[in-house]
N, C-alpha and C. Protein backbone atom coordinates (compact mmCIF):
# COMPACT_ATOMS: atom_id res chain seq x y z
N UNK A 1 -63.22 -17.61 -207.17
CA UNK A 1 -63.38 -15.87 -208.32
C UNK A 1 -61.72 -15.54 -209.01
N UNK A 2 -62.11 -15.33 -210.44
CA UNK A 2 -60.91 -14.38 -210.75
C UNK A 2 -60.40 -13.47 -210.23
N UNK A 3 -59.40 -12.72 -209.90
CA UNK A 3 -58.56 -11.17 -210.10
C UNK A 3 -58.95 -10.41 -211.12
N UNK A 4 -59.51 -9.18 -210.42
CA UNK A 4 -59.90 -8.41 -211.81
C UNK A 4 -58.69 -8.24 -212.15
N UNK A 5 -59.31 -7.50 -213.56
CA UNK A 5 -58.51 -7.45 -215.00
C UNK A 5 -57.82 -5.66 -214.43
N UNK A 6 -56.75 -5.29 -215.29
CA UNK A 6 -56.22 -3.79 -214.99
C UNK A 6 -56.91 -2.95 -215.64
N UNK A 7 -58.10 -3.49 -216.58
CA UNK A 7 -58.98 -2.54 -217.34
C UNK A 7 -60.31 -2.49 -216.10
N UNK A 8 -60.77 -3.33 -215.68
CA UNK A 8 -61.88 -3.31 -214.53
C UNK A 8 -61.05 -2.89 -213.49
N UNK A 9 -60.32 -2.95 -212.56
CA UNK A 9 -59.57 -1.74 -211.86
C UNK A 9 -59.89 0.02 -211.72
N UNK A 10 -59.15 0.04 -213.11
CA UNK A 10 -59.53 1.51 -213.92
C UNK A 10 -60.70 1.95 -213.93
N UNK A 11 -61.82 1.19 -214.52
CA UNK A 11 -63.05 1.60 -214.70
C UNK A 11 -63.78 1.76 -213.18
N UNK A 12 -63.76 0.71 -212.24
CA UNK A 12 -64.11 1.24 -210.96
C UNK A 12 -62.99 1.64 -210.44
N UNK A 13 -61.90 2.84 -210.27
CA UNK A 13 -61.58 3.59 -209.70
C UNK A 13 -62.19 4.98 -210.34
N UNK A 14 -61.75 4.83 -211.79
CA UNK A 14 -63.05 6.58 -212.33
C UNK A 14 -64.64 6.33 -212.11
N UNK A 15 -65.29 5.08 -211.95
CA UNK A 15 -66.38 5.77 -211.22
C UNK A 15 -66.80 5.44 -209.76
N UNK A 16 -66.01 5.10 -208.83
CA UNK A 16 -65.07 5.98 -207.99
C UNK A 16 -65.01 7.04 -207.40
N UNK A 17 -64.53 7.71 -208.37
CA UNK A 17 -64.09 8.92 -208.24
C UNK A 17 -65.51 10.16 -208.54
N UNK A 18 -65.73 9.72 -209.85
CA UNK A 18 -67.11 10.04 -209.83
C UNK A 18 -68.21 10.29 -209.43
N UNK A 19 -68.53 9.31 -208.25
CA UNK A 19 -69.60 9.23 -208.08
C UNK A 19 -69.30 10.26 -206.73
N UNK A 20 -67.95 10.48 -206.17
CA UNK A 20 -67.98 10.96 -205.42
C UNK A 20 -68.33 12.62 -205.58
N UNK A 21 -68.67 13.00 -206.79
CA UNK A 21 -68.61 14.43 -207.31
C UNK A 21 -70.42 14.24 -207.37
N UNK A 22 -70.42 13.51 -208.05
CA UNK A 22 -72.36 13.01 -208.08
C UNK A 22 -72.65 13.26 -206.69
N UNK A 23 -72.35 12.48 -205.35
CA UNK A 23 -72.82 13.35 -204.12
C UNK A 23 -73.09 14.71 -204.03
N UNK A 24 -71.18 15.50 -203.99
CA UNK A 24 -72.14 16.62 -204.07
C UNK A 24 -73.07 17.20 -204.62
N UNK A 25 -73.58 17.07 -205.94
CA UNK A 25 -74.39 17.38 -206.69
C UNK A 25 -75.85 16.84 -205.44
N UNK A 26 -77.09 18.13 -206.28
CA UNK A 26 -78.46 17.98 -205.86
C UNK A 26 -78.73 17.28 -206.93
N UNK A 27 -79.41 15.87 -206.34
CA UNK A 27 -79.83 15.33 -207.25
C UNK A 27 -81.72 15.92 -208.30
N UNK A 28 -81.75 16.55 -207.30
CA UNK A 28 -82.88 17.58 -207.97
C UNK A 28 -82.40 18.82 -209.53
N UNK A 29 -80.52 18.73 -209.38
CA UNK A 29 -80.51 19.57 -210.81
C UNK A 29 -80.09 19.52 -211.80
N UNK A 30 -80.63 17.56 -211.76
CA UNK A 30 -80.36 16.85 -213.05
C UNK A 30 -81.51 17.73 -213.95
N UNK A 31 -81.17 17.12 -214.96
CA UNK A 31 -82.20 17.65 -216.39
C UNK A 31 -83.14 18.81 -215.85
N UNK A 32 -82.75 19.96 -216.32
CA UNK A 32 -83.75 20.92 -216.56
C UNK A 32 -85.18 21.02 -217.68
N UNK A 33 -86.16 21.27 -217.98
CA UNK A 33 -87.08 20.91 -219.30
C UNK A 33 -87.36 22.60 -219.48
N UNK A 34 -87.68 22.45 -221.40
CA UNK A 34 -88.40 23.64 -220.90
C UNK A 34 -87.73 24.47 -222.94
N UNK A 35 -88.54 25.10 -223.48
CA UNK A 35 -88.32 25.31 -224.44
C UNK A 35 -86.69 26.76 -224.31
N UNK A 36 -85.92 26.15 -225.04
CA UNK A 36 -84.49 27.25 -224.85
C UNK A 36 -84.23 26.43 -223.53
N UNK A 37 -84.31 25.98 -222.70
CA UNK A 37 -83.56 25.92 -221.80
C UNK A 37 -82.67 25.27 -221.56
N UNK A 38 -81.50 25.24 -220.87
CA UNK A 38 -80.72 23.73 -220.21
C UNK A 38 -80.85 22.66 -219.89
N UNK A 39 -80.58 21.64 -219.82
CA UNK A 39 -80.32 20.81 -218.53
C UNK A 39 -79.08 20.00 -218.39
N UNK A 40 -78.72 19.58 -217.23
CA UNK A 40 -77.76 18.79 -217.08
C UNK A 40 -77.68 17.84 -216.47
N UNK A 41 -76.98 16.50 -216.47
CA UNK A 41 -76.85 15.02 -215.84
C UNK A 41 -75.16 14.67 -215.60
N UNK A 42 -75.21 14.39 -214.57
CA UNK A 42 -73.74 13.74 -214.16
C UNK A 42 -73.65 12.04 -213.79
N UNK A 43 -74.94 11.98 -214.97
CA UNK A 43 -75.82 10.33 -214.35
C UNK A 43 -75.13 9.20 -215.89
N UNK A 44 -74.37 9.88 -216.46
CA UNK A 44 -74.54 8.73 -218.27
C UNK A 44 -73.31 7.99 -217.57
N UNK A 45 -72.90 6.72 -217.51
CA UNK A 45 -72.15 5.38 -217.85
C UNK A 45 -70.83 6.10 -218.37
N UNK A 46 -69.75 5.75 -217.10
CA UNK A 46 -68.46 5.83 -217.60
C UNK A 46 -67.95 5.26 -219.56
N UNK A 47 -68.65 4.07 -219.59
CA UNK A 47 -67.88 3.41 -221.17
C UNK A 47 -68.95 4.42 -222.29
N UNK A 48 -69.90 5.50 -221.75
CA UNK A 48 -70.54 6.06 -222.82
C UNK A 48 -69.54 6.80 -222.83
N UNK A 49 -69.51 8.49 -221.85
CA UNK A 49 -68.49 8.97 -221.79
C UNK A 49 -67.22 8.65 -222.63
N UNK A 50 -66.51 7.55 -222.23
CA UNK A 50 -65.70 7.67 -222.79
C UNK A 50 -65.58 7.61 -224.54
N UNK A 51 -66.19 6.63 -225.37
CA UNK A 51 -66.78 6.46 -226.10
C UNK A 51 -66.81 8.12 -226.90
N UNK A 52 -67.91 9.14 -226.37
CA UNK A 52 -68.58 10.05 -226.53
C UNK A 52 -66.74 10.97 -226.94
N UNK A 53 -65.78 10.89 -225.65
CA UNK A 53 -64.31 11.40 -225.77
C UNK A 53 -63.99 10.80 -226.88
N UNK A 54 -63.40 10.02 -226.68
CA UNK A 54 -62.65 9.27 -227.94
C UNK A 54 -63.45 9.82 -229.33
N UNK A 55 -64.43 9.59 -229.59
CA UNK A 55 -64.84 9.83 -230.91
C UNK A 55 -64.69 11.36 -230.86
N UNK A 56 -65.19 12.37 -230.28
CA UNK A 56 -64.76 13.40 -230.63
C UNK A 56 -64.25 14.82 -230.69
N UNK A 57 -62.80 14.25 -229.92
CA UNK A 57 -61.63 14.92 -229.24
C UNK A 57 -60.47 13.54 -229.46
N UNK A 58 -61.12 13.18 -230.13
CA UNK A 58 -60.03 12.53 -230.59
C UNK A 58 -58.84 11.20 -229.74
N UNK A 59 -59.19 11.27 -228.18
CA UNK A 59 -58.40 10.84 -227.16
C UNK A 59 -59.35 10.64 -226.49
N UNK A 60 -58.35 9.64 -225.40
CA UNK A 60 -58.42 8.52 -224.32
C UNK A 60 -58.89 9.55 -223.47
N UNK A 61 -60.49 9.31 -222.68
CA UNK A 61 -60.50 10.30 -221.00
C UNK A 61 -59.72 10.55 -220.26
N UNK A 62 -58.81 9.66 -219.89
CA UNK A 62 -57.98 10.10 -218.71
C UNK A 62 -58.06 9.41 -217.76
N UNK A 63 -57.10 9.80 -216.78
CA UNK A 63 -56.94 9.03 -215.39
C UNK A 63 -58.10 9.94 -213.98
N UNK A 64 -58.51 8.93 -213.26
CA UNK A 64 -59.88 9.06 -212.20
C UNK A 64 -60.89 10.19 -213.09
N UNK A 65 -61.53 10.18 -214.44
CA UNK A 65 -62.43 11.47 -214.59
C UNK A 65 -63.12 11.45 -214.36
N UNK A 66 -64.04 12.62 -214.00
CA UNK A 66 -65.74 13.22 -213.27
C UNK A 66 -66.07 13.90 -215.09
N UNK A 67 -66.91 14.43 -215.10
CA UNK A 67 -67.93 14.31 -216.37
C UNK A 67 -69.23 14.77 -215.52
N UNK A 68 -69.60 16.19 -216.86
CA UNK A 68 -71.05 16.27 -216.62
C UNK A 68 -71.30 16.90 -218.14
N UNK A 69 -73.20 16.25 -218.83
CA UNK A 69 -73.36 16.69 -219.38
C UNK A 69 -74.33 17.99 -219.69
N UNK A 70 -74.04 18.91 -220.74
CA UNK A 70 -75.63 19.82 -220.47
C UNK A 70 -75.65 19.34 -221.95
N UNK A 71 -77.37 20.23 -221.91
CA UNK A 71 -78.50 19.30 -223.13
C UNK A 71 -79.66 20.52 -222.73
N UNK A 72 -79.34 20.28 -224.24
CA UNK A 72 -80.63 21.46 -224.82
C UNK A 72 -82.09 20.25 -225.53
N UNK A 73 -82.62 20.30 -224.75
CA UNK A 73 -83.61 18.98 -225.51
C UNK A 73 -84.72 19.10 -226.72
N UNK A 74 -84.69 20.50 -226.24
CA UNK A 74 -85.63 21.02 -227.89
C UNK A 74 -84.80 21.29 -228.89
N UNK A 75 -83.52 21.11 -228.79
CA UNK A 75 -82.43 20.96 -230.48
C UNK A 75 -81.85 19.58 -229.94
N UNK A 76 -82.40 19.49 -229.08
CA UNK A 76 -81.22 17.53 -229.04
C UNK A 76 -79.78 17.28 -229.50
N UNK A 77 -79.68 19.07 -228.97
CA UNK A 77 -77.50 18.90 -228.85
C UNK A 77 -77.24 18.72 -227.48
N UNK A 78 -76.22 18.55 -227.36
CA UNK A 78 -75.44 18.48 -226.42
C UNK A 78 -74.04 18.42 -226.16
N UNK A 79 -73.30 18.66 -224.64
CA UNK A 79 -72.26 18.80 -224.38
C UNK A 79 -71.68 18.46 -223.48
N UNK A 80 -70.21 17.74 -223.15
CA UNK A 80 -70.50 16.53 -222.47
C UNK A 80 -68.58 17.61 -221.62
N UNK A 81 -68.45 17.56 -220.69
CA UNK A 81 -67.62 18.39 -220.21
C UNK A 81 -66.79 17.76 -219.31
N UNK A 82 -65.72 17.06 -219.34
CA UNK A 82 -65.04 16.02 -218.42
C UNK A 82 -63.33 16.04 -218.14
N UNK A 83 -63.37 16.42 -216.88
CA UNK A 83 -62.08 16.56 -215.52
C UNK A 83 -61.41 15.01 -215.66
N UNK A 84 -59.89 15.34 -215.76
CA UNK A 84 -59.52 13.73 -215.32
C UNK A 84 -57.66 14.06 -214.97
N UNK A 85 -57.05 13.16 -214.32
CA UNK A 85 -55.87 13.69 -214.09
C UNK A 85 -55.41 14.64 -213.11
N UNK A 86 -56.49 14.41 -212.46
CA UNK A 86 -55.73 15.29 -211.19
C UNK A 86 -55.05 15.14 -210.00
N UNK A 87 -54.28 16.12 -209.73
CA UNK A 87 -53.09 15.95 -209.31
C UNK A 87 -53.33 16.59 -207.29
N UNK A 88 -52.19 15.77 -206.87
CA UNK A 88 -52.92 15.52 -205.69
C UNK A 88 -53.71 16.57 -205.07
N UNK A 89 -54.30 17.05 -204.48
CA UNK A 89 -55.31 18.38 -203.99
C UNK A 89 -55.68 18.65 -204.81
N UNK A 90 -55.89 18.06 -206.14
CA UNK A 90 -56.91 18.75 -207.34
C UNK A 90 -56.69 20.19 -207.80
N UNK A 91 -55.22 20.60 -207.54
CA UNK A 91 -54.94 21.99 -207.90
C UNK A 91 -54.60 21.86 -209.48
N UNK A 92 -54.44 21.02 -210.26
CA UNK A 92 -54.48 20.76 -211.40
C UNK A 92 -55.16 19.99 -211.91
N UNK A 93 -56.56 19.62 -213.27
CA UNK A 93 -57.00 18.99 -213.73
C UNK A 93 -56.92 18.72 -215.04
N UNK A 94 -57.12 17.96 -216.03
CA UNK A 94 -57.49 17.89 -217.94
C UNK A 94 -58.42 18.14 -217.87
N UNK A 95 -58.80 19.20 -218.96
CA UNK A 95 -59.96 19.38 -219.29
C UNK A 95 -60.22 19.36 -220.75
N UNK A 96 -61.37 18.57 -221.00
CA UNK A 96 -61.86 18.11 -222.58
C UNK A 96 -63.11 18.69 -222.52
N UNK A 97 -64.07 18.88 -223.38
CA UNK A 97 -65.15 19.64 -223.98
C UNK A 97 -65.14 19.00 -225.59
N UNK A 98 -66.54 18.75 -225.62
CA UNK A 98 -67.12 17.51 -226.65
C UNK A 98 -68.34 18.14 -226.51
N UNK A 99 -68.94 18.81 -227.47
CA UNK A 99 -70.49 19.05 -228.17
C UNK A 99 -70.54 19.33 -229.44
N UNK A 100 -72.19 19.52 -229.46
CA UNK A 100 -72.66 20.19 -230.72
C UNK A 100 -72.64 21.61 -231.00
N UNK A 101 -72.11 22.43 -232.13
CA UNK A 101 -72.48 23.63 -232.52
C UNK A 101 -73.73 24.30 -231.37
N UNK A 102 -73.61 25.46 -230.70
CA UNK A 102 -74.47 26.41 -230.50
C UNK A 102 -74.73 26.34 -228.84
N UNK A 103 -74.12 24.77 -228.02
CA UNK A 103 -74.22 24.32 -227.08
C UNK A 103 -73.54 25.77 -225.75
N UNK A 104 -72.15 25.99 -226.44
CA UNK A 104 -71.96 26.59 -225.79
C UNK A 104 -71.85 27.75 -225.51
N UNK A 105 -73.31 28.20 -224.36
CA UNK A 105 -73.37 29.77 -224.59
C UNK A 105 -72.77 30.04 -223.32
N UNK A 106 -73.06 31.53 -222.47
CA UNK A 106 -72.43 32.09 -221.47
C UNK A 106 -73.20 30.79 -220.02
N UNK A 107 -74.72 30.92 -220.18
CA UNK A 107 -74.65 30.05 -219.07
C UNK A 107 -74.52 29.22 -218.95
N UNK A 108 -74.24 28.02 -219.58
CA UNK A 108 -73.69 27.14 -219.97
C UNK A 108 -71.81 27.17 -219.32
N UNK A 109 -71.49 27.90 -219.58
CA UNK A 109 -69.32 28.28 -219.33
C UNK A 109 -69.71 28.74 -217.92
N UNK A 110 -71.02 29.23 -217.39
CA UNK A 110 -71.14 29.70 -216.02
C UNK A 110 -71.29 28.27 -215.08
N UNK A 111 -71.82 27.12 -215.25
CA UNK A 111 -72.41 25.98 -215.16
C UNK A 111 -71.53 25.75 -214.91
N UNK A 112 -70.87 25.24 -216.14
CA UNK A 112 -69.28 23.59 -216.06
C UNK A 112 -68.16 24.90 -215.10
N UNK A 113 -68.15 25.75 -215.34
CA UNK A 113 -66.93 26.59 -214.51
C UNK A 113 -67.46 26.70 -213.18
N UNK A 114 -68.84 26.69 -212.76
CA UNK A 114 -68.64 26.20 -210.60
C UNK A 114 -69.01 24.66 -210.39
N UNK A 115 -69.29 24.22 -211.66
CA UNK A 115 -69.16 22.46 -211.37
C UNK A 115 -67.75 22.06 -211.20
N UNK A 116 -66.50 23.00 -212.08
CA UNK A 116 -65.36 22.72 -212.23
C UNK A 116 -64.76 23.28 -211.04
N UNK A 117 -64.94 23.90 -210.57
CA UNK A 117 -64.12 25.04 -210.09
C UNK A 117 -65.12 24.64 -207.99
N UNK A 118 -66.48 24.59 -208.00
CA UNK A 118 -66.69 24.62 -206.95
C UNK A 118 -67.27 23.01 -206.43
N UNK A 119 -68.16 22.71 -207.35
CA UNK A 119 -68.13 21.26 -206.97
C UNK A 119 -67.19 20.12 -206.87
N UNK A 120 -66.30 20.07 -208.03
CA UNK A 120 -64.92 19.38 -208.45
C UNK A 120 -63.94 19.25 -207.57
N UNK A 121 -64.02 21.07 -206.96
CA UNK A 121 -62.85 21.45 -206.01
C UNK A 121 -61.57 21.77 -207.37
N UNK A 122 -61.14 21.65 -208.33
CA UNK A 122 -60.33 22.18 -209.18
C UNK A 122 -59.58 23.38 -209.11
N UNK A 123 -58.65 23.75 -208.95
CA UNK A 123 -58.30 25.19 -208.64
C UNK A 123 -57.31 25.85 -209.89
N UNK A 124 -57.04 24.64 -211.06
CA UNK A 124 -57.08 24.70 -211.97
C UNK A 124 -57.16 23.57 -212.81
N UNK A 125 -57.55 24.34 -214.15
CA UNK A 125 -58.23 23.09 -215.26
C UNK A 125 -57.53 23.31 -216.57
N UNK A 126 -56.74 22.25 -217.16
CA UNK A 126 -56.14 23.00 -218.13
C UNK A 126 -56.68 21.86 -218.78
N UNK A 127 -56.64 22.25 -220.62
CA UNK A 127 -56.81 21.80 -222.02
C UNK A 127 -55.89 22.34 -222.94
N UNK A 128 -55.73 21.12 -223.62
CA UNK A 128 -55.08 21.09 -224.54
C UNK A 128 -55.21 21.54 -225.79
N UNK A 129 -55.15 21.95 -227.46
CA UNK A 129 -55.95 22.11 -228.59
C UNK A 129 -55.09 21.86 -229.57
N UNK A 130 -55.41 20.89 -230.10
CA UNK A 130 -54.62 20.95 -231.86
C UNK A 130 -53.72 22.10 -232.43
N UNK A 131 -52.55 22.23 -232.54
CA UNK A 131 -51.56 23.13 -232.89
C UNK A 131 -52.73 23.76 -234.42
N UNK A 132 -52.95 23.03 -235.54
CA UNK A 132 -53.68 23.02 -236.23
C UNK A 132 -55.23 23.79 -236.19
N UNK A 133 -55.76 23.36 -235.63
CA UNK A 133 -57.50 23.66 -234.48
C UNK A 133 -57.48 25.73 -234.32
N UNK A 134 -57.21 26.78 -235.11
CA UNK A 134 -56.92 27.82 -234.68
C UNK A 134 -58.43 28.67 -234.25
N UNK A 135 -59.06 27.65 -234.76
CA UNK A 135 -60.53 27.90 -234.58
C UNK A 135 -60.96 28.17 -233.11
N UNK A 136 -60.34 26.83 -232.44
CA UNK A 136 -60.88 26.20 -231.00
C UNK A 136 -59.38 27.12 -229.96
N UNK A 137 -58.41 27.42 -230.38
CA UNK A 137 -57.83 27.90 -229.57
C UNK A 137 -58.14 29.36 -230.14
N UNK A 138 -58.67 30.42 -230.43
CA UNK A 138 -59.82 31.10 -230.16
C UNK A 138 -61.06 31.27 -229.97
N UNK A 139 -61.65 29.74 -229.48
CA UNK A 139 -62.93 30.09 -228.69
C UNK A 139 -62.77 29.78 -227.56
N UNK A 140 -61.15 28.97 -226.78
CA UNK A 140 -60.70 28.82 -225.92
C UNK A 140 -60.21 30.43 -225.26
N UNK A 141 -59.63 31.20 -225.32
CA UNK A 141 -59.72 32.36 -225.33
C UNK A 141 -60.36 33.11 -224.83
N UNK A 142 -61.89 32.79 -225.88
CA UNK A 142 -62.83 33.85 -225.26
C UNK A 142 -63.67 33.12 -224.85
N UNK A 143 -63.31 31.97 -223.95
CA UNK A 143 -63.87 30.96 -223.52
C UNK A 143 -63.22 31.74 -221.73
N UNK A 144 -62.10 32.19 -221.62
CA UNK A 144 -61.17 32.75 -220.03
C UNK A 144 -60.21 32.07 -220.17
N UNK A 145 -60.01 31.24 -221.05
CA UNK A 145 -58.28 30.15 -220.77
C UNK A 145 -57.72 31.10 -221.55
N UNK A 146 -55.68 31.57 -221.29
CA UNK A 146 -54.98 31.26 -221.17
C UNK A 146 -54.21 30.76 -222.13
N UNK A 147 -53.36 30.90 -222.49
CA UNK A 147 -52.20 30.52 -223.95
C UNK A 147 -51.20 30.46 -222.85
N UNK A 148 -50.72 29.12 -222.63
CA UNK A 148 -49.62 29.00 -221.60
C UNK A 148 -48.30 28.40 -222.18
N UNK A 149 -48.51 27.35 -223.29
CA UNK A 149 -46.93 27.04 -224.13
C UNK A 149 -47.78 25.77 -224.69
N UNK A 150 -46.75 25.32 -225.30
CA UNK A 150 -47.14 24.20 -226.53
C UNK A 150 -47.06 22.79 -225.44
N UNK A 151 -47.32 22.12 -225.92
CA UNK A 151 -46.80 19.98 -225.93
C UNK A 151 -46.73 19.31 -226.94
N UNK A 152 -45.50 19.59 -226.72
CA UNK A 152 -45.09 18.40 -228.17
C UNK A 152 -45.12 17.29 -228.39
N UNK A 153 -46.14 16.90 -229.58
CA UNK A 153 -46.07 15.54 -229.60
C UNK A 153 -47.75 14.63 -228.77
N UNK A 154 -48.44 15.82 -228.27
CA UNK A 154 -49.84 15.47 -227.17
C UNK A 154 -50.30 14.49 -227.87
N UNK A 155 -50.98 14.96 -229.47
CA UNK A 155 -52.20 13.90 -230.09
C UNK A 155 -51.25 12.66 -231.00
N UNK A 156 -49.84 12.78 -230.81
CA UNK A 156 -49.67 11.68 -231.58
C UNK A 156 -48.08 12.62 -232.43
N UNK A 157 -47.05 11.24 -232.62
CA UNK A 157 -45.94 12.03 -233.37
C UNK A 157 -46.17 12.97 -234.67
N UNK A 158 -45.77 14.47 -234.23
CA UNK A 158 -45.71 15.33 -235.27
C UNK A 158 -46.86 16.21 -235.31
N UNK A 159 -47.78 15.81 -234.29
CA UNK A 159 -49.12 16.63 -233.73
C UNK A 159 -49.38 17.49 -232.33
N UNK A 160 -48.90 18.25 -232.52
CA UNK A 160 -48.65 19.35 -230.86
C UNK A 160 -49.98 19.50 -230.34
N UNK A 161 -50.11 20.31 -229.26
CA UNK A 161 -51.48 20.91 -228.52
C UNK A 161 -50.96 22.36 -228.57
N UNK A 162 -51.19 23.04 -228.51
CA UNK A 162 -51.23 24.43 -227.45
C UNK A 162 -52.22 23.98 -226.20
N UNK A 163 -51.41 24.16 -224.94
CA UNK A 163 -51.44 24.43 -223.79
C UNK A 163 -52.35 25.69 -223.06
N UNK A 164 -53.87 25.66 -222.42
CA UNK A 164 -54.78 26.59 -222.60
C UNK A 164 -55.04 26.19 -220.65
N UNK A 165 -55.16 27.69 -220.06
CA UNK A 165 -55.73 27.23 -218.79
C UNK A 165 -56.16 27.90 -218.42
N UNK A 166 -56.92 27.75 -217.29
CA UNK A 166 -57.78 28.82 -216.14
C UNK A 166 -58.05 28.12 -214.72
N UNK A 167 -57.67 29.30 -214.15
CA UNK A 167 -57.34 29.37 -212.91
C UNK A 167 -58.53 29.45 -212.18
N UNK A 168 -59.23 28.93 -210.58
CA UNK A 168 -60.31 29.53 -210.13
C UNK A 168 -60.51 31.11 -209.93
N UNK A 169 -59.15 31.70 -209.54
CA UNK A 169 -58.68 33.13 -209.12
C UNK A 169 -59.67 33.70 -210.42
N UNK A 170 -58.44 33.45 -211.76
CA UNK A 170 -58.96 34.17 -213.14
C UNK A 170 -60.28 33.94 -214.00
N UNK A 171 -60.71 33.05 -213.48
CA UNK A 171 -62.19 32.92 -214.49
C UNK A 171 -62.95 33.95 -213.74
N UNK A 172 -63.81 34.36 -215.10
CA UNK A 172 -64.87 35.44 -214.92
C UNK A 172 -66.28 35.01 -215.02
N UNK A 173 -66.43 33.69 -214.55
CA UNK A 173 -67.46 33.23 -215.15
C UNK A 173 -68.43 32.87 -213.87
N UNK A 174 -67.15 32.73 -212.77
CA UNK A 174 -67.93 32.60 -211.31
C UNK A 174 -68.24 33.93 -210.42
N UNK A 175 -69.24 34.08 -209.59
CA UNK A 175 -69.79 35.51 -208.98
C UNK A 175 -68.52 35.78 -208.37
N UNK A 176 -68.13 37.24 -207.91
CA UNK A 176 -67.08 37.13 -207.04
C UNK A 176 -68.27 37.68 -205.35
N UNK A 177 -66.97 37.63 -204.85
CA UNK A 177 -67.62 37.72 -203.08
C UNK A 177 -67.59 39.46 -203.13
N UNK A 178 -68.65 40.04 -202.38
CA UNK A 178 -68.85 41.50 -202.97
C UNK A 178 -67.83 41.92 -201.52
N UNK A 179 -67.22 43.41 -202.11
CA UNK A 179 -66.47 43.90 -201.53
C UNK A 179 -66.44 44.02 -199.98
N UNK A 180 -65.75 43.91 -198.77
CA UNK A 180 -65.76 43.80 -197.23
C UNK A 180 -65.73 45.60 -197.44
N UNK A 181 -66.61 45.97 -196.95
CA UNK A 181 -66.91 47.40 -196.96
C UNK A 181 -66.81 47.41 -195.13
N UNK A 182 -66.22 48.29 -194.23
CA UNK A 182 -65.60 48.38 -193.10
C UNK A 182 -66.94 49.54 -192.75
N UNK A 183 -67.44 48.29 -191.44
CA UNK A 183 -68.70 49.24 -190.64
C UNK A 183 -67.90 50.29 -189.15
N UNK A 184 -67.35 50.20 -189.04
CA UNK A 184 -66.49 50.87 -187.54
C UNK A 184 -65.79 51.86 -188.55
N UNK A 185 -65.20 53.36 -187.86
CA UNK A 185 -65.09 54.89 -188.57
C UNK A 185 -63.60 54.16 -188.24
N UNK A 186 -63.19 54.51 -190.14
CA UNK A 186 -61.45 54.04 -190.23
C UNK A 186 -61.02 55.19 -190.13
N UNK A 187 -61.25 56.49 -190.44
CA UNK A 187 -60.82 57.59 -190.97
C UNK A 187 -59.57 58.40 -189.21
N UNK A 188 -58.82 58.71 -190.01
CA UNK A 188 -57.64 59.35 -188.93
C UNK A 188 -58.67 60.30 -187.74
N UNK A 189 -57.89 60.29 -186.79
CA UNK A 189 -58.30 61.24 -185.30
C UNK A 189 -58.35 62.70 -186.43
N UNK A 190 -59.50 63.41 -185.83
CA UNK A 190 -59.27 64.60 -186.52
C UNK A 190 -57.65 65.83 -186.09
N UNK A 191 -56.71 64.65 -184.66
CA UNK A 191 -56.19 66.21 -184.42
C UNK A 191 -54.80 65.61 -185.56
N UNK A 192 -54.85 64.39 -186.21
CA UNK A 192 -54.07 64.50 -187.52
C UNK A 192 -54.06 64.26 -188.25
N UNK A 193 -55.47 64.78 -189.02
CA UNK A 193 -55.96 64.88 -190.74
C UNK A 193 -54.83 65.95 -190.55
N UNK A 194 -55.31 65.93 -192.44
CA UNK A 194 -54.89 67.20 -192.96
C UNK A 194 -55.94 67.89 -192.83
N UNK A 195 -56.41 69.46 -193.29
CA UNK A 195 -57.02 70.58 -193.46
C UNK A 195 -56.47 70.45 -194.76
């Protein structure tokens, strides 16, 4: 038996990282059907996801990726969100999104953020948009990302990227915990209260 190639090792590591995320999801959450409904799956093969990202974003998938795909079965349209290159502890992950027009609705953004922050456990997601794609930068802003600067030659020589990020704390698509209301009387005693 021959030793595995570097490519086989990397593909195995990526599949293992993604399987850890798949285990945290309930398999019953896979694909919802019905008119106007959006389904989701995490079961697409790595090789297919890699091709989608390469074709749609013009770049490689990244190191230790995990992904989720949203589909509108009645339209035959979809969107894939991939996270990769996590820093130790998952504080920051690289975010890539490729999809058909009209799929990125509020429910899909909400589901994608819940997946990224609650299931994957990311604290901060970072996306890079080609400098000349002002419409993508505007879309990132409307989705809740904050512009953080520029990454020189990110897409190749002379092809800069604007850097956009969202933190778990700043994500408006996640439900906020209710405010804690004290159950005990915390008002000052009447002897020190001002009248």
